[in-house]
Amino acid sequence: MPASIFEEVDHFLEAALTRDTTTRLSCPSCGSAHVAQVLGDNGGISYVCTACGHSWS
């Protein structure tokens, strides 16, 4: 677990910079690329597959 929020942000920035720009988000349940980003109840970001209805964050 990161000791600070700065370490967590660095982790996400590094992942974003090294990610292949052709990589698409896909549903971990059915593999569909039909994914919507939604705002969760607590203000966090969640994802919903519009093909099968699976949701995750």
N, C-alpha and C. Protein backbone atom coordinates (compact mmCIF):
# COMPACT_ATOMS: atom_id res chain seq x y z
N MET A 1 0.85 -1.18 0.00
CA MET A 1 0.00 0.00 0.00
C MET A 1 0.90 1.24 0.00
N PRO A 2 0.57 2.25 -0.83
CA PRO A 2 1.39 3.45 -0.89
C PRO A 2 1.37 4.21 0.43
N ALA A 3 2.49 4.82 0.74
CA ALA A 3 2.61 5.60 1.97
C ALA A 3 1.94 6.96 1.83
N SER A 4 1.76 7.42 0.61
CA SER A 4 1.13 8.73 0.42
C SER A 4 0.34 8.74 -0.88
N ILE A 5 -0.49 9.74 -1.02
CA ILE A 5 -1.27 9.91 -2.25
C ILE A 5 -0.35 10.19 -3.43
N PHE A 6 0.80 10.82 -3.16
CA PHE A 6 1.74 11.12 -4.24
C PHE A 6 2.30 9.85 -4.86
N GLU A 7 2.57 8.85 -4.04
CA GLU A 7 3.05 7.57 -4.58
C GLU A 7 1.97 6.91 -5.44
N GLU A 8 0.72 7.01 -5.00
CA GLU A 8 -0.38 6.43 -5.77
C GLU A 8 -0.53 7.14 -7.11
N VAL A 9 -0.45 8.46 -7.12
CA VAL A 9 -0.56 9.24 -8.35
C VAL A 9 0.60 8.89 -9.28
N ASP A 10 1.81 8.78 -8.73
CA ASP A 10 2.96 8.40 -9.55
C ASP A 10 2.74 7.05 -10.22
N HIS A 11 2.14 6.11 -9.47
CA HIS A 11 1.86 4.78 -10.02
C HIS A 11 0.92 4.88 -11.22
N PHE A 12 -0.15 5.66 -11.09
CA PHE A 12 -1.11 5.81 -12.19
C PHE A 12 -0.51 6.56 -13.37
N LEU A 13 0.30 7.58 -13.10
CA LEU A 13 0.93 8.32 -14.19
C LEU A 13 1.90 7.43 -14.97
N GLU A 14 2.67 6.65 -14.25
CA GLU A 14 3.60 5.73 -14.91
C GLU A 14 2.85 4.73 -15.78
N ALA A 15 1.76 4.19 -15.26
CA ALA A 15 0.96 3.24 -16.03
C ALA A 15 0.37 3.91 -17.27
N ALA A 16 -0.09 5.14 -17.14
CA ALA A 16 -0.69 5.85 -18.27
C ALA A 16 0.36 6.16 -19.33
N LEU A 17 1.55 6.51 -18.92
CA LEU A 17 2.59 6.86 -19.88
C LEU A 17 3.14 5.64 -20.61
N THR A 18 3.09 4.49 -19.97
CA THR A 18 3.63 3.29 -20.61
C THR A 18 2.56 2.49 -21.33
N ARG A 19 1.30 2.90 -21.22
CA ARG A 19 0.20 2.18 -21.85
C ARG A 19 0.21 2.40 -23.36
N ASP A 20 -0.03 1.35 -24.08
CA ASP A 20 -0.18 1.42 -25.53
C ASP A 20 -1.44 2.22 -25.83
N THR A 21 -1.34 3.23 -26.69
CA THR A 21 -2.49 4.10 -26.96
C THR A 21 -3.60 3.39 -27.71
N THR A 22 -3.34 2.20 -28.24
CA THR A 22 -4.39 1.47 -28.94
C THR A 22 -5.14 0.51 -28.00
N THR A 23 -4.67 0.43 -26.74
CA THR A 23 -5.32 -0.44 -25.77
C THR A 23 -6.67 0.13 -25.39
N ARG A 24 -7.69 -0.71 -25.40
CA ARG A 24 -9.03 -0.29 -25.03
C ARG A 24 -9.45 -1.01 -23.77
N LEU A 25 -10.30 -0.35 -23.01
CA LEU A 25 -10.87 -0.96 -21.83
C LEU A 25 -11.89 -2.01 -22.25
N SER A 26 -11.83 -3.16 -21.63
CA SER A 26 -12.81 -4.20 -21.95
C SER A 26 -13.39 -4.78 -20.67
N CYS A 27 -14.56 -5.32 -20.78
CA CYS A 27 -15.27 -5.91 -19.65
C CYS A 27 -14.52 -7.15 -19.16
N PRO A 28 -14.23 -7.23 -17.86
CA PRO A 28 -13.55 -8.42 -17.35
C PRO A 28 -14.46 -9.65 -17.32
N SER A 29 -15.76 -9.44 -17.46
CA SER A 29 -16.70 -10.55 -17.43
C SER A 29 -16.92 -11.17 -18.81
N CYS A 30 -17.23 -10.32 -19.80
CA CYS A 30 -17.55 -10.86 -21.13
C CYS A 30 -16.53 -10.48 -22.21
N GLY A 31 -15.64 -9.53 -21.91
CA GLY A 31 -14.61 -9.13 -22.87
C GLY A 31 -15.05 -8.07 -23.85
N SER A 32 -16.28 -7.59 -23.75
CA SER A 32 -16.78 -6.57 -24.67
C SER A 32 -16.06 -5.24 -24.47
N ALA A 33 -15.89 -4.50 -25.55
CA ALA A 33 -15.29 -3.16 -25.48
C ALA A 33 -16.36 -2.09 -25.27
N HIS A 34 -17.61 -2.49 -25.13
CA HIS A 34 -18.71 -1.54 -24.92
C HIS A 34 -18.81 -1.22 -23.43
N VAL A 35 -17.95 -0.29 -22.99
CA VAL A 35 -17.84 0.04 -21.58
C VAL A 35 -18.10 1.52 -21.39
N ALA A 36 -18.92 1.84 -20.40
CA ALA A 36 -19.22 3.23 -20.07
C ALA A 36 -18.58 3.57 -18.72
N GLN A 37 -18.03 4.78 -18.63
CA GLN A 37 -17.46 5.26 -17.39
C GLN A 37 -18.56 6.04 -16.66
N VAL A 38 -18.78 5.73 -15.39
CA VAL A 38 -19.84 6.39 -14.63
C VAL A 38 -19.31 6.89 -13.30
N LEU A 39 -19.96 7.90 -12.76
CA LEU A 39 -19.60 8.44 -11.46
C LEU A 39 -20.32 7.64 -10.39
N GLY A 40 -19.57 7.11 -9.44
CA GLY A 40 -20.15 6.30 -8.38
C GLY A 40 -20.83 7.14 -7.31
N ASP A 41 -21.54 6.48 -6.41
CA ASP A 41 -22.26 7.16 -5.34
C ASP A 41 -21.33 7.95 -4.42
N ASN A 42 -20.13 7.45 -4.18
CA ASN A 42 -19.19 8.11 -3.28
C ASN A 42 -18.26 9.07 -4.02
N GLY A 43 -18.54 9.35 -5.27
CA GLY A 43 -17.72 10.26 -6.06
C GLY A 43 -16.61 9.58 -6.83
N GLY A 44 -16.45 8.29 -6.66
CA GLY A 44 -15.42 7.55 -7.39
C GLY A 44 -15.86 7.24 -8.81
N ILE A 45 -14.94 6.71 -9.58
CA ILE A 45 -15.23 6.34 -10.97
C ILE A 45 -15.48 4.84 -11.03
N SER A 46 -16.53 4.46 -11.70
CA SER A 46 -16.85 3.06 -11.93
C SER A 46 -17.05 2.85 -13.42
N TYR A 47 -17.12 1.59 -13.82
CA TYR A 47 -17.32 1.23 -15.21
C TYR A 47 -18.48 0.26 -15.30
N VAL A 48 -19.24 0.35 -16.37
CA VAL A 48 -20.37 -0.55 -16.62
C VAL A 48 -20.28 -1.05 -18.05
N CYS A 49 -20.38 -2.36 -18.22
CA CYS A 49 -20.42 -2.94 -19.55
C CYS A 49 -21.83 -2.82 -20.08
N THR A 50 -21.98 -2.16 -21.21
CA THR A 50 -23.32 -1.97 -21.78
C THR A 50 -23.78 -3.22 -22.53
N ALA A 51 -22.90 -4.19 -22.70
CA ALA A 51 -23.27 -5.43 -23.37
C ALA A 51 -23.89 -6.43 -22.39
N CYS A 52 -23.24 -6.59 -21.21
CA CYS A 52 -23.72 -7.62 -20.27
C CYS A 52 -24.21 -7.06 -18.94
N GLY A 53 -23.95 -5.77 -18.67
CA GLY A 53 -24.41 -5.15 -17.43
C GLY A 53 -23.46 -5.28 -16.26
N HIS A 54 -22.33 -5.94 -16.43
CA HIS A 54 -21.34 -6.09 -15.35
C HIS A 54 -20.80 -4.71 -14.98
N SER A 55 -20.62 -4.44 -13.68
CA SER A 55 -20.04 -3.17 -13.25
C SER A 55 -18.85 -3.43 -12.34
N TRP A 56 -17.87 -2.54 -12.39
CA TRP A 56 -16.67 -2.66 -11.57
C TRP A 56 -16.03 -1.29 -11.41
N SER A 57 -15.08 -1.20 -10.48
CA SER A 57 -14.36 0.06 -10.27
C SER A 57 -12.88 -0.19 -10.13
